[in-house]
Each structure stands twice: as C-alpha cells, then as structure tokens.
Amino acid sequence: MIEQTEEMNALLDAYENLLTDKQKEIMSLYFKEDFSLSEISETLHISRAAVSDHVKRSEKILLDYEKKLHLVKNYETRRQIYDKIKTVGNDNVLSLIEELERIE
C-alpha cells in the first residue's frame, strides 16, 4: 500500500493539473492527506461509492498519462544519473548538476 501511495503521489505531482477539479480534490485528500473513503465522503457530501469510483477512475487516468508521457519515469532516471555523476566529485560538473536541478 505504501508503494502504491508513493507512486500515486508522484503521478499526482506530474499530472494532477490534467485532472478535473473534483478528481484533484479527491485524489489529494486520499493520497496526500491520507483521508479514508468515508472521511472524503463526509467532507465532500457525496457517497462513499462515488469517492471510490473517482479514485479508481483517476488512478487509471494518471497511469495512462504516465504510460504515454513517461514524465515520472524520466524524472527518476535523471535523478539516478545526477546521483552517479555527483560521485565523480568534479566541482564544475557538480555546479552544472545543481543548475539542472534548479530548472526541474
């Protein structure tokens, strides 16, 4: 469950602006704020089933975006490459990496 939550939070960071306002709100409460389906239902005055449907539909949408665009995968790959380059220890290289990281 923790792994799924981390994945969804990464996907939300990358793609949440492509969701509807309602989807964003529900996904944020569920994954970022760790609300239960019942708590979201009570907060937003909608049924628990509606909340569950929104979560499932939004998860599918986010996974589809990642499958097509690879933003999260590419970010993680760049992060790993930066970390490997940092072990080289060259000051010029390190300053260039810091500059790239500020851009992201």
C-alpha atoms as a PDB file:
ATOM      1  CA  MET A   1       0.000   0.000   0.000  1.00  0.00           C
ATOM      2  CA  ILE A   2       2.811   2.424   0.824  1.00  0.00           C
ATOM      3  CA  GLU A   3       4.407   1.752  -2.556  1.00  0.00           C
ATOM      4  CA  GLN A   4       1.110   2.460  -4.332  1.00  0.00           C
ATOM      5  CA  THR A   5       0.657   5.673  -2.354  1.00  0.00           C
ATOM      6  CA  GLU A   6       4.163   6.847  -3.258  1.00  0.00           C
ATOM      7  CA  GLU A   7       3.554   6.033  -6.923  1.00  0.00           C
ATOM      8  CA  MET A   8       0.233   7.872  -6.957  1.00  0.00           C
ATOM      9  CA  ASN A   9       1.739  10.897  -5.216  1.00  0.00           C
ATOM     10  CA  ALA A  10       4.489  11.029  -7.856  1.00  0.00           C
ATOM     11  CA  LEU A  11       1.893  10.734 -10.615  1.00  0.00           C
ATOM     12  CA  LEU A  12      -0.218  13.439  -8.992  1.00  0.00           C
ATOM     13  CA  ASP A  13       2.792  15.740  -8.793  1.00  0.00           C
ATOM     14  CA  ALA A  14       3.359  15.273 -12.508  1.00  0.00           C
ATOM     15  CA  TYR A  15      -0.178  15.163 -13.891  1.00  0.00           C
ATOM     16  CA  GLU A  16      -2.719  16.477 -11.379  1.00  0.00           C
ATOM     17  CA  ASN A  17      -3.382  19.616 -13.425  1.00  0.00           C
ATOM     18  CA  LEU A  18      -4.758  17.347 -16.148  1.00  0.00           C
ATOM     19  CA  LEU A  19      -7.474  16.062 -13.809  1.00  0.00           C
ATOM     20  CA  THR A  20     -10.784  17.778 -13.143  1.00  0.00           C
ATOM     21  CA  ASP A  21     -11.062  19.903 -10.019  1.00  0.00           C
ATOM     22  CA  LYS A  22     -13.182  17.220  -8.316  1.00  0.00           C
ATOM     23  CA  GLN A  23     -10.683  14.476  -9.229  1.00  0.00           C
ATOM     24  CA  LYS A  24      -7.785  16.599  -7.956  1.00  0.00           C
ATOM     25  CA  GLU A  25      -9.545  17.291  -4.672  1.00  0.00           C
ATOM     26  CA  ILE A  26     -10.472  13.657  -4.048  1.00  0.00           C
ATOM     27  CA  MET A  27      -7.050  12.311  -5.053  1.00  0.00           C
ATOM     28  CA  SER A  28      -5.282  14.881  -2.911  1.00  0.00           C
ATOM     29  CA  LEU A  29      -7.387  14.044   0.117  1.00  0.00           C
ATOM     30  CA  TYR A  30      -6.982  10.313  -0.423  1.00  0.00           C
ATOM     31  CA  PHE A  31      -3.291  10.056  -1.288  1.00  0.00           C
ATOM     32  CA  LYS A  32      -1.665  13.219   0.058  1.00  0.00           C
ATOM     33  CA  GLU A  33      -3.798  13.842   3.154  1.00  0.00           C
ATOM     34  CA  ASP A  34      -4.429  10.124   3.855  1.00  0.00           C
ATOM     35  CA  PHE A  35      -8.196  10.528   4.272  1.00  0.00           C
ATOM     36  CA  SER A  36     -10.279   7.365   4.153  1.00  0.00           C
ATOM     37  CA  LEU A  37     -13.021   6.977   1.559  1.00  0.00           C
ATOM     38  CA  SER A  38     -15.601   7.562   4.302  1.00  0.00           C
ATOM     39  CA  GLU A  39     -13.867  10.731   5.514  1.00  0.00           C
ATOM     40  CA  ILE A  40     -13.786  12.108   1.974  1.00  0.00           C
ATOM     41  CA  SER A  41     -17.431  11.157   1.524  1.00  0.00           C
ATOM     42  CA  GLU A  42     -18.416  13.073   4.660  1.00  0.00           C
ATOM     43  CA  THR A  43     -16.211  16.066   3.821  1.00  0.00           C
ATOM     44  CA  LEU A  44     -17.473  16.449   0.245  1.00  0.00           C
ATOM     45  CA  HIS A  45     -21.057  15.310   0.925  1.00  0.00           C
ATOM     46  CA  ILE A  46     -21.006  12.590  -1.721  1.00  0.00           C
ATOM     47  CA  SER A  47     -21.437   8.851  -1.394  1.00  0.00           C
ATOM     48  CA  ARG A  48     -18.565   6.579  -0.460  1.00  0.00           C
ATOM     49  CA  ALA A  49     -19.164   4.695  -3.722  1.00  0.00           C
ATOM     50  CA  ALA A  50     -18.778   7.932  -5.693  1.00  0.00           C
ATOM     51  CA  VAL A  51     -15.483   8.629  -3.933  1.00  0.00           C
ATOM     52  CA  SER A  52     -14.275   5.117  -4.703  1.00  0.00           C
ATOM     53  CA  ASP A  53     -15.271   5.495  -8.358  1.00  0.00           C
ATOM     54  CA  HIS A  54     -13.429   8.829  -8.598  1.00  0.00           C
ATOM     55  CA  VAL A  55     -10.290   7.302  -7.075  1.00  0.00           C
ATOM     56  CA  LYS A  56     -10.328   4.288  -9.397  1.00  0.00           C
ATOM     57  CA  ARG A  57     -11.036   6.370 -12.492  1.00  0.00           C
ATOM     58  CA  SER A  58      -8.407   8.951 -11.588  1.00  0.00           C
ATOM     59  CA  GLU A  59      -5.780   6.277 -10.884  1.00  0.00           C
ATOM     60  CA  LYS A  60      -6.410   4.836 -14.342  1.00  0.00           C
ATOM     61  CA  ILE A  61      -6.147   8.273 -15.941  1.00  0.00           C
ATOM     62  CA  LEU A  62      -2.858   9.030 -14.157  1.00  0.00           C
ATOM     63  CA  LEU A  63      -1.394   5.644 -15.104  1.00  0.00           C
ATOM     64  CA  ASP A  64      -2.447   6.191 -18.728  1.00  0.00           C
ATOM     65  CA  TYR A  65      -0.738   9.600 -18.794  1.00  0.00           C
ATOM     66  CA  GLU A  66       2.449   8.079 -17.418  1.00  0.00           C
ATOM     67  CA  LYS A  67       2.294   5.226 -19.928  1.00  0.00           C
ATOM     68  CA  LYS A  68       2.154   7.773 -22.753  1.00  0.00           C
ATOM     69  CA  LEU A  69       4.348  10.588 -21.444  1.00  0.00           C
ATOM     70  CA  HIS A  70       6.825   8.908 -19.044  1.00  0.00           C
ATOM     71  CA  LEU A  71       7.382  12.092 -17.010  1.00  0.00           C
ATOM     72  CA  VAL A  72       7.807  10.314 -13.671  1.00  0.00           C
ATOM     73  CA  LYS A  73       9.986   7.539 -15.098  1.00  0.00           C
ATOM     74  CA  ASN A  74      12.204  10.055 -16.895  1.00  0.00           C
ATOM     75  CA  TYR A  75      12.493  12.196 -13.763  1.00  0.00           C
ATOM     76  CA  GLU A  76      13.564   9.198 -11.688  1.00  0.00           C
ATOM     77  CA  THR A  77      16.089   8.168 -14.343  1.00  0.00           C
ATOM     78  CA  ARG A  78      17.568  11.691 -14.458  1.00  0.00           C
ATOM     79  CA  ARG A  79      17.738  11.716 -10.653  1.00  0.00           C
ATOM     80  CA  GLN A  80      19.738   8.453 -10.675  1.00  0.00           C
ATOM     81  CA  ILE A  81      22.112   9.783 -13.336  1.00  0.00           C
ATOM     82  CA  TYR A  82      22.649  13.006 -11.377  1.00  0.00           C
ATOM     83  CA  ASP A  83      23.448  10.987  -8.261  1.00  0.00           C
ATOM     84  CA  LYS A  84      26.002   8.889 -10.169  1.00  0.00           C
ATOM     85  CA  ILE A  85      27.637  11.975 -11.672  1.00  0.00           C
ATOM     86  CA  LYS A  86      27.870  13.605  -8.234  1.00  0.00           C
ATOM     87  CA  THR A  87      30.137  10.779  -7.083  1.00  0.00           C
ATOM     88  CA  VAL A  88      32.731  11.923  -9.641  1.00  0.00           C
ATOM     89  CA  GLY A  89      33.355  14.963  -7.467  1.00  0.00           C
ATOM     90  CA  ASN A  90      34.422  17.461 -10.157  1.00  0.00           C
ATOM     91  CA  ASP A  91      33.385  20.952  -8.975  1.00  0.00           C
ATOM     92  CA  ASN A  92      32.421  22.128 -12.470  1.00  0.00           C
ATOM     93  CA  VAL A  93      30.264  19.069 -13.015  1.00  0.00           C
ATOM     94  CA  LEU A  94      28.638  19.465  -9.603  1.00  0.00           C
ATOM     95  CA  SER A  95      27.755  23.104 -10.286  1.00  0.00           C
ATOM     96  CA  LEU A  96      26.207  22.144 -13.638  1.00  0.00           C
ATOM     97  CA  ILE A  97      24.147  19.432 -11.945  1.00  0.00           C
ATOM     98  CA  GLU A  98      22.938  21.927  -9.351  1.00  0.00           C
ATOM     99  CA  GLU A  99      21.928  24.283 -12.151  1.00  0.00           C
ATOM    100  CA  LEU A 100      19.977  21.498 -13.894  1.00  0.00           C
ATOM    101  CA  GLU A 101      18.265  20.552 -10.634  1.00  0.00           C
ATOM    102  CA  ARG A 102      17.133  24.145 -10.108  1.00  0.00           C
ATOM    103  CA  ILE A 103      15.495  24.097 -13.540  1.00  0.00           C
ATOM    104  CA  GLU A 104      13.488  20.989 -12.668  1.00  0.00           C
END
